[in-house]
Protein backbone atom coordinates (compact mmCIF):
# COMPACT_ATOMS: atom_id res chain seq x y z
CA MET A 1 -0.08 0.06 -0.01
CA THR A 2 1.10 3.60 -0.68
CA SER A 3 1.39 6.10 2.25
CA GLU A 4 -1.66 7.96 1.22
CA GLU A 5 -3.54 4.71 1.21
CA ILE A 6 -2.59 3.64 4.54
CA LYS A 7 -3.62 7.31 5.72
CA THR A 8 -6.85 7.11 4.28
CA GLU A 9 -7.43 3.65 5.44
CA VAL A 10 -6.56 4.86 9.13
CA LEU A 11 -8.35 8.06 8.93
CA THR A 12 -11.32 6.03 7.78
CA MET A 13 -10.93 3.70 10.88
CA GLY A 14 -10.91 6.75 13.09
CA ALA A 15 -14.02 8.11 11.90
CA GLN A 16 -15.55 4.60 12.60
CA ALA A 17 -14.30 4.48 15.84
CA ARG A 18 -15.74 7.94 16.80
CA ASN A 19 -19.11 7.01 15.69
CA ALA A 20 -18.74 3.90 17.57
CA ALA A 21 -17.86 5.51 20.83
CA TYR A 22 -21.01 7.37 20.70
CA GLU A 23 -22.94 4.26 20.44
CA LEU A 24 -21.06 2.60 23.08
CA ALA A 25 -21.61 5.28 25.66
CA LYS A 26 -25.38 4.21 25.32
CA LEU A 27 -25.01 0.84 26.75
CA THR A 28 -25.90 -0.25 30.14
CA SER A 29 -23.55 -2.20 32.20
CA GLU A 30 -25.66 -4.91 32.01
CA GLN A 31 -25.45 -4.72 28.29
CA LYS A 32 -21.72 -4.57 27.98
CA SER A 33 -21.28 -7.41 30.37
CA ALA A 34 -23.55 -9.64 28.04
CA ILE A 35 -21.78 -8.56 25.05
CA LEU A 36 -18.21 -9.37 26.70
CA LEU A 37 -19.63 -12.97 27.44
CA ALA A 38 -20.42 -13.18 23.99
CA MET A 39 -17.18 -12.04 22.90
CA ALA A 40 -15.33 -14.81 25.02
CA ASP A 41 -17.51 -17.36 23.37
CA GLY A 42 -16.67 -16.01 20.20
CA LEU A 43 -13.08 -16.29 20.68
CA VAL A 44 -13.34 -20.09 22.08
CA GLY A 45 -15.77 -20.83 19.09
CA SER A 46 -12.98 -19.64 16.62
CA GLU A 47 -9.85 -21.64 18.34
CA ALA A 48 -9.30 -23.46 15.02
CA GLU A 49 -8.85 -20.13 13.05
CA ILE A 50 -7.02 -18.34 15.62
CA LEU A 51 -4.46 -21.24 16.23
CA ALA A 52 -4.08 -21.60 12.56
CA ALA A 53 -3.21 -17.84 12.01
CA ASN A 54 -0.85 -18.45 15.12
CA ALA A 55 0.93 -21.13 13.68
CA LEU A 56 1.96 -18.87 10.63
CA ASP A 57 3.43 -16.12 12.89
CA ILE A 58 5.48 -18.70 14.97
CA ALA A 59 6.76 -20.27 11.78
CA GLU A 60 7.75 -16.84 10.61
CA ALA A 61 9.53 -16.17 14.08
CA GLU A 62 11.34 -19.20 13.95
CA LYS A 63 12.46 -18.59 10.32
CA ASN A 64 13.42 -15.03 11.45
CA GLY A 65 15.61 -16.56 14.57
CA LEU A 66 13.50 -15.11 17.22
CA THR A 67 14.82 -15.93 20.74
CA ALA A 68 12.74 -18.87 22.86
CA ALA A 69 11.43 -16.43 25.13
CA MET A 70 10.38 -13.91 22.20
CA ILE A 71 8.57 -17.08 20.54
CA ASP A 72 7.01 -18.35 23.70
CA ARG A 73 5.42 -14.55 23.99
CA LEU A 74 3.88 -15.12 20.64
CA LEU A 75 2.74 -18.81 21.15
CA LEU A 76 -0.95 -19.45 21.57
CA THR A 77 -2.35 -22.74 22.65
CA SER A 78 -5.80 -24.15 23.49
CA GLU A 79 -5.23 -23.40 27.14
CA ARG A 80 -3.94 -19.95 26.44
CA ILE A 81 -7.10 -19.11 24.34
CA ALA A 82 -9.41 -20.67 27.12
CA GLY A 83 -7.29 -18.39 29.56
CA ILE A 84 -7.91 -15.24 27.38
CA ALA A 85 -11.65 -16.38 27.33
CA GLN A 86 -11.66 -16.63 30.86
CA GLY A 87 -10.09 -13.48 31.45
CA ILE A 88 -12.90 -11.70 29.23
CA ARG A 89 -15.48 -13.25 31.35
CA GLU A 90 -13.74 -12.02 34.42
CA VAL A 91 -13.64 -8.65 33.09
CA ALA A 92 -17.46 -8.74 32.54
CA ALA A 93 -18.16 -9.55 36.21
CA LEU A 94 -16.18 -6.73 37.24
CA HIS A 95 -17.79 -3.53 38.55
CA ASP A 96 -18.24 -0.64 35.80
CA PRO A 97 -16.78 2.46 36.80
CA VAL A 98 -18.78 4.41 34.26
CA GLY A 99 -21.04 6.65 35.77
CA GLU A 100 -19.72 6.23 39.04
CA VAL A 101 -19.98 9.24 41.44
CA ILE A 102 -16.44 10.28 42.42
CA LYS A 103 -17.61 13.30 44.36
CA GLU A 104 -20.74 15.33 44.85
CA TRP A 105 -21.32 18.71 47.07
CA SER A 106 -23.74 21.73 47.00
CA ARG A 107 -22.80 25.35 46.82
CA PRO A 108 -24.54 27.88 48.88
CA ASN A 109 -26.37 29.24 46.01
CA GLY A 110 -28.36 25.71 45.65
CA ILE A 111 -26.58 24.23 42.69
CA HIS A 112 -25.69 20.66 43.25
CA ILE A 113 -22.22 19.21 41.40
CA GLU A 114 -21.52 15.80 40.79
CA LYS A 115 -18.15 14.75 39.38
CA ARG A 116 -18.83 11.39 37.27
CA ARG A 117 -16.73 8.87 35.79
CA THR A 118 -16.86 8.58 31.81
CA PRO A 119 -15.36 7.05 28.80
CA ILE A 120 -12.33 8.46 27.51
CA GLY A 121 -13.67 8.16 24.11
CA VAL A 122 -11.35 6.55 21.42
CA ILE A 123 -8.24 5.01 22.29
CA GLY A 124 -5.39 3.98 20.14
CA ILE A 125 -3.00 1.16 21.32
CA ILE A 126 0.48 0.16 19.60
CA PHE A 127 1.84 -2.78 20.79
CA GLU A 128 4.29 -5.43 20.02
CA SER A 129 4.61 -9.19 19.91
CA ARG A 130 1.95 -10.80 22.35
CA PRO A 131 -1.31 -11.26 20.43
CA ASN A 132 -3.19 -11.86 23.84
CA VAL A 133 -2.99 -7.80 24.03
CA THR A 134 -5.22 -7.74 21.43
CA ALA A 135 -8.17 -9.21 23.56
CA ASP A 136 -6.80 -7.55 26.83
CA ALA A 137 -6.85 -4.03 25.44
CA ALA A 138 -10.12 -4.52 23.58
CA VAL A 139 -12.27 -5.81 26.33
CA LEU A 140 -10.99 -3.43 29.03
CA CYS A 141 -11.70 -0.35 26.72
CA PHE A 142 -15.15 -1.99 25.70
CA LYS A 143 -16.09 -2.37 29.38
CA THR A 144 -15.44 1.31 29.95
CA GLY A 145 -17.37 2.33 26.93
CA ASN A 146 -14.21 3.09 24.79
CA ALA A 147 -14.08 2.40 20.91
CA THR A 148 -10.51 0.84 20.27
CA ILE A 149 -8.24 1.03 17.38
CA LEU A 150 -5.40 -1.66 17.72
CA ARG A 151 -2.18 -1.71 15.73
CA GLY A 152 0.19 -4.63 16.66
CA GLY A 153 3.54 -5.98 15.40
CA LYS A 154 4.40 -7.76 12.46
CA GLU A 155 5.60 -10.73 14.81
CA ALA A 156 1.83 -11.56 15.50
CA ILE A 157 -0.21 -10.13 12.67
CA HIS A 158 -2.15 -13.34 11.62
CA SER A 159 -2.89 -14.09 15.12
CA ASN A 160 -3.92 -10.48 15.66
CA ARG A 161 -6.26 -10.21 12.98
CA ALA A 162 -8.10 -13.52 13.83
CA ILE A 163 -8.62 -12.68 17.49
CA ALA A 164 -9.99 -9.06 16.65
CA GLN A 165 -11.99 -10.70 14.15
CA ALA A 166 -13.44 -13.22 16.76
CA LEU A 167 -14.09 -10.62 19.48
CA GLN A 168 -16.01 -8.33 16.85
CA GLU A 169 -18.09 -11.07 15.22
CA GLY A 170 -18.89 -12.73 18.64
CA GLY A 171 -19.92 -9.64 20.07
CA ALA A 172 -22.10 -8.19 17.47
CA GLY A 173 -25.04 -10.98 18.02
CA ALA A 174 -25.35 -9.51 21.65
CA GLY A 175 -25.09 -5.92 20.28
CA LEU A 176 -21.72 -4.74 20.08
CA PRO A 177 -21.70 -1.64 18.09
CA ASP A 178 -20.13 -1.81 14.59
CA HIS A 179 -16.31 -0.81 14.81
CA SER A 180 -16.05 -0.88 18.54
CA VAL A 181 -12.75 -3.02 18.02
CA GLN A 182 -10.77 -2.18 15.07
CA LEU A 183 -7.39 -3.65 14.04
CA ILE A 184 -5.16 -1.91 11.64
CA PRO A 185 -4.46 -5.07 9.40
CA PHE A 186 -1.10 -4.03 7.81
CA THR A 187 2.24 -3.47 9.48
CA GLU A 188 4.00 -0.49 7.68
CA ARG A 189 5.44 1.83 9.99
CA GLU A 190 3.37 4.88 8.35
CA SER A 191 0.30 3.57 10.22
CA VAL A 192 1.91 4.48 13.57
CA GLN A 193 2.32 7.99 12.25
CA HIS A 194 -1.05 8.37 11.05
CA MET A 195 -2.38 7.16 14.34
CA ALA A 196 -0.28 9.39 16.42
CA GLU A 197 -1.49 12.31 14.20
CA MET A 198 -5.03 11.70 14.31
CA ASP A 199 -6.23 13.76 17.22
CA GLN A 200 -9.41 14.55 15.49
CA TYR A 201 -10.71 10.92 16.23
CA LEU A 202 -8.18 9.62 18.91
CA ASP A 203 -8.44 10.72 22.73
CA LEU A 204 -5.52 9.04 23.86
CA ILE A 205 -2.73 6.52 22.61
CA ILE A 206 -1.08 3.83 24.47
CA PRO A 207 2.04 2.40 23.22
CA ARG A 208 3.41 -0.93 24.40
CA GLY A 209 6.66 -2.16 23.53
CA GLY A 210 10.36 -1.09 23.14
CA ALA A 211 11.94 2.31 23.93
CA GLY A 212 12.23 3.11 20.29
CA LEU A 213 8.41 2.48 19.54
CA ILE A 214 7.73 4.53 22.53
CA GLU A 215 9.97 7.55 21.62
CA THR A 216 8.51 7.33 18.27
CA VAL A 217 5.01 7.65 19.27
CA VAL A 218 5.99 10.22 21.76
CA SER A 219 7.65 12.49 19.34
CA LEU A 220 4.78 12.34 16.77
CA ALA A 221 1.57 12.30 18.79
CA ARG A 222 -0.97 15.24 19.01
CA MET A 223 -2.95 13.66 21.59
CA PRO A 224 -2.10 12.46 25.36
CA VAL A 225 0.02 9.33 25.55
CA ILE A 226 0.35 6.78 28.55
CA LYS A 227 3.78 5.35 28.23
CA HIS A 228 4.76 1.72 29.15
CA TYR A 229 8.64 2.12 29.10
CA ASP A 230 11.04 -0.98 30.04
CA GLY A 231 10.77 -3.05 33.02
CA ILE A 232 14.10 -2.75 34.85
CA CYS A 233 13.02 -4.56 38.02
CA HIS A 234 15.28 -4.91 40.91
CA THR A 235 15.24 -7.06 43.99
CA TYR A 236 17.27 -5.92 46.86
CA VAL A 237 18.38 -8.31 49.52
CA ASP A 238 18.80 -6.44 52.81
CA ARG A 239 21.11 -7.40 55.86
CA GLU A 240 17.74 -8.47 57.75
CA ALA A 241 16.46 -10.83 55.03
CA ASP A 242 15.54 -14.33 55.64
CA PHE A 243 17.81 -16.06 52.99
CA ASP A 244 15.29 -18.76 51.84
CA MET A 245 12.70 -16.28 51.41
CA ALA A 246 15.18 -13.97 49.57
CA GLU A 247 16.27 -17.09 47.32
CA SER A 248 12.67 -17.98 46.48
CA ILE A 249 11.51 -14.65 45.54
CA ALA A 250 14.50 -13.89 43.46
CA ILE A 251 13.94 -17.16 41.64
CA ASN A 252 10.48 -16.63 41.11
CA ALA A 253 11.14 -12.91 40.03
CA LYS A 254 13.90 -14.03 37.55
CA THR A 255 12.50 -17.43 36.25
CA HIS A 256 8.42 -17.58 36.35
CA LYS A 257 8.20 -15.89 33.25
CA PRO A 258 11.23 -14.25 32.10
CA SER A 259 9.70 -12.61 28.77
CA VAL A 260 7.67 -10.18 30.56
CA CYS A 261 8.25 -6.49 32.00
CA ASN A 262 7.81 -7.22 35.85
CA THR A 263 10.57 -9.82 35.56
CA MET A 264 13.51 -9.04 37.97
CA GLU A 265 16.46 -7.95 35.76
CA THR A 266 18.69 -6.93 38.43
CA LEU A 267 19.62 -8.41 41.77
CA LEU A 268 21.19 -6.35 44.63
CA ILE A 269 22.77 -7.68 47.64
CA ASP A 270 23.77 -5.97 51.08
CA ARG A 271 27.91 -5.98 51.15
CA SER A 272 27.47 -7.39 54.88
CA VAL A 273 25.68 -10.56 53.83
CA ALA A 274 26.86 -11.11 50.28
CA ALA A 275 29.51 -13.66 51.39
CA GLU A 276 26.91 -15.91 52.69
CA PHE A 277 24.04 -15.38 50.47
CA ALA A 278 25.92 -14.81 46.84
CA PRO A 279 26.86 -18.20 46.43
CA LYS A 280 23.60 -19.48 47.71
CA VAL A 281 21.52 -17.65 45.08
CA ALA A 282 24.16 -18.05 42.44
CA THR A 283 23.90 -21.83 42.62
CA ALA A 284 19.99 -21.55 42.52
CA MET A 285 19.96 -19.44 39.48
CA LEU A 286 22.71 -21.45 37.63
CA GLU A 287 20.52 -24.74 38.36
CA LYS A 288 17.47 -22.85 36.88
CA GLY A 289 19.71 -22.09 33.73
CA VAL A 290 20.20 -18.43 34.41
CA GLU A 291 23.36 -16.73 32.98
CA LEU A 292 24.87 -14.56 35.80
CA ARG A 293 26.70 -11.02 34.91
CA GLY A 294 28.04 -9.57 38.00
CA ASP A 295 30.12 -6.76 39.35
CA GLU A 296 33.46 -7.36 40.77
CA ALA A 297 32.51 -8.23 44.26
CA PHE A 298 29.93 -10.64 43.04
CA VAL A 299 32.54 -12.43 40.62
CA GLU A 300 35.01 -12.72 43.38
CA LEU A 301 32.34 -14.49 45.77
CA VAL A 302 30.82 -16.88 43.30
CA GLY A 303 33.91 -17.31 40.88
CA ALA A 304 34.53 -16.27 37.55
CA ASP A 305 33.84 -19.64 36.16
CA ARG A 306 30.41 -19.12 37.18
CA VAL A 307 29.77 -15.38 36.44
CA LYS A 308 30.34 -13.05 33.35
CA PRO A 309 31.53 -9.69 34.40
CA ALA A 310 28.96 -7.10 34.18
CA THR A 311 29.27 -3.68 32.16
CA GLU A 312 27.64 -0.62 32.66
CA ALA A 313 25.15 -1.27 30.12
CA ASP A 314 24.04 -4.45 32.10
CA TRP A 315 22.38 -2.06 34.76
CA THR A 316 20.19 -0.80 32.30
CA THR A 317 19.14 -3.74 29.97
CA GLU A 318 15.94 -5.24 29.93
CA TYR A 319 16.79 -8.87 29.01
CA LEU A 320 13.59 -10.41 28.91
CA ASP A 321 15.35 -13.92 28.85
CA LEU A 322 17.04 -16.09 31.50
CA ILE A 323 20.04 -13.38 32.16
CA LEU A 324 20.56 -11.68 35.47
CA SER A 325 23.03 -8.71 36.34
CA VAL A 326 23.86 -8.84 40.14
CA LYS A 327 25.60 -5.98 42.45
CA VAL A 328 26.75 -6.03 45.66
CA VAL A 329 25.75 -2.66 47.34
CA ASP A 330 26.52 -0.64 50.29
CA GLY A 331 23.44 -1.32 52.32
CA LEU A 332 20.02 0.36 51.78
CA ASP A 333 21.47 3.66 50.77
CA GLY A 334 23.32 1.88 48.24
CA ALA A 335 20.27 -0.06 46.90
CA ILE A 336 18.18 3.05 47.03
CA ASN A 337 20.87 5.04 44.90
CA HIS A 338 21.24 2.40 42.44
CA ILE A 339 17.46 1.78 41.62
CA ASN A 340 16.68 5.45 41.06
CA HIS A 341 19.50 5.88 38.79
CA TYR A 342 19.44 2.58 36.81
CA GLY A 343 16.01 1.77 37.21
CA SER A 344 12.89 2.25 34.86
CA HIS A 345 10.29 3.37 37.67
CA HIS A 346 8.62 -0.01 37.26
CA SER A 347 8.53 -2.38 39.61
CA ASP A 348 11.01 -3.08 42.59
CA CYS A 349 11.32 -5.04 45.88
CA ILE A 350 13.10 -5.28 49.09
CA VAL A 351 13.36 -8.56 51.20
CA THR A 352 14.18 -7.88 54.86
CA GLY A 353 12.73 -8.51 58.25
CA ASP A 354 13.41 -4.94 59.18
CA PRO A 355 10.19 -2.78 58.97
CA ALA A 356 11.80 0.56 59.28
CA ALA A 357 14.33 -0.40 56.14
CA ALA A 358 11.31 -1.52 54.44
CA GLU A 359 9.44 1.74 55.14
CA ARG A 360 12.41 3.56 53.94
CA PHE A 361 12.73 1.62 50.63
CA LEU A 362 8.70 1.88 49.87
CA ASN A 363 8.82 5.61 50.46
CA GLU A 364 12.10 6.56 48.54
CA ILE A 365 12.17 4.05 45.50
CA ASP A 366 10.65 6.18 43.00
CA SER A 367 8.93 3.37 40.94
CA ALA A 368 5.23 2.76 40.05
CA THR A 369 5.10 -0.43 42.14
CA VAL A 370 7.18 -1.05 45.13
CA PHE A 371 7.22 -4.47 47.01
CA TRP A 372 8.42 -5.54 50.42
CA ASN A 373 8.92 -9.65 50.77
CA ALA A 374 6.98 -10.40 47.68
CA SER A 375 8.01 -11.40 43.87
CA THR A 376 7.85 -8.36 41.34
CA ARG A 377 5.97 -10.73 39.22
CA PHE A 378 2.65 -9.76 41.14
CA SER A 379 2.83 -6.35 39.38
CA ASP A 380 -0.13 -7.25 37.21
CA GLY A 381 -3.54 -6.19 36.66
CA GLY A 382 -4.63 -9.61 37.26
CA GLU A 383 -2.89 -9.98 40.31
CA PHE A 384 -4.20 -6.68 41.99
CA GLY A 385 -7.73 -7.63 41.29
CA PHE A 386 -8.08 -5.45 38.22
CA GLY A 387 -8.73 -8.18 35.62
CA ALA A 388 -6.80 -8.12 32.53
CA GLU A 389 -4.90 -5.08 32.24
CA ILE A 390 -4.12 -2.26 29.43
CA GLY A 391 -0.49 -2.49 30.66
CA ILE A 392 1.92 -0.75 33.32
CA SER A 393 2.51 2.70 32.98
CA THR A 394 5.73 4.24 34.07
CA ASP A 395 4.25 7.70 33.69
CA LYS A 396 2.96 9.73 36.96
CA LEU A 397 0.13 11.69 35.58
CA HIS A 398 -3.40 10.01 34.82
CA ALA A 399 -2.35 6.53 35.43
CA ARG A 400 0.49 4.68 37.08
CA GLY A 401 1.40 1.06 37.49
CA PRO A 402 -0.91 -1.73 36.14
CA MET A 403 -3.67 0.04 34.46
CA GLY A 404 -7.29 -1.36 35.08
CA LEU A 405 -10.68 -0.12 34.14
CA GLU A 406 -10.61 2.95 36.48
CA GLU A 407 -7.48 4.14 34.54
CA LEU A 408 -9.55 4.04 31.32
CA THR A 409 -11.95 6.69 32.39
CA SER A 410 -12.23 10.36 32.60
CA TYR A 411 -14.81 12.32 34.00
CA LYS A 412 -17.24 15.16 33.83
CA TYR A 413 -18.95 17.64 35.96
CA ARG A 414 -22.77 17.34 35.99
CA ILE A 415 -24.50 20.52 37.54
CA THR A 416 -27.96 20.45 38.55
CA GLY A 417 -29.71 23.97 39.31
CA ALA A 418 -33.50 25.35 39.94
CA GLY A 419 -32.98 28.47 37.69
CA GLN A 420 -30.03 30.02 39.41
CA VAL A 421 -27.87 32.79 37.35
CA ARG A 422 -24.81 34.35 38.03
CA GLY A 423 -24.49 37.87 39.05
């Protein structure tokens, strides 16, 4: 397609989404829940078509030499499709925040003011790799009355098309307005630019992916952007940590699902306990197939035959793989300074039995989610009780951390009077 044809197609989708948003605003919570259940059924009913489309994406990924971790992000199975459908049903059962009164009050002149949650309108979501994002994003936006334009990466284009079609067709029979969920069906980069410039139709754009994608969208966007930057997540093992607990948390944070953004990428160890804990955790990590990259102190404690020397770049690298950087730090101050300097303001954990140390860590670490004695893998909308999530925002305005339904709403003021005029 030519650039002009792409622009025309994207603008057409934008106009269709705006019209859909007006129709979505008319739906009751009960109607939206019924449509969501129909969308879940539509997804399960289209399993064969979705798996066939996914097989094309997996074959292309293997041909292009993508890592095992990246291929796992792409892979769909019957179980994963059933899990996505169950996630949709769970969203259907969640409280609908639209119409909720945030605050209300009356003024001395008798007018009554309500601040109520409303849909944002039309949301554009640009994402890479994981095809489940197509469903997660669409259903969360729909639950809150927002029309959605999705633009996935080329790695999952066949899967994304199949999922979007299943959702729209499944929901249509239950009353889903036309064009409520649209997927840009091509992968030319110009589509990102045209989406980002389409402020007459898009109210918000959310890029999910690598730093390059996010920086491109931020530089082009004419509407607000909620950013989901890298997950340079840390676990700090304090001098008062229970070592068995610390090892369990670190292993889970690194190896449970290494390809996701809330996986630990750097382990920090208090110097006063490093001689005892470093060899212990290194052995456990190596048994799990984790490649270790350590600072000079960690290499000396564990052995140069088991650890690669870390470079400056390792402290800012999101591996998304079974690779871990490890640093020995000078106590709590050293950990806080390292995380605030090298981290991505995503998710960070302290393991300690000292409440005062934990309180300092929780207060002074400048990240969206901070943990005390729990794995960073819990930084997830589902684990927070939000249902499926739209992503994990590293911004500070409007939305921060896992984004659930409330973060996909705006608000308006409704004023009721009895003929008052301003003097």
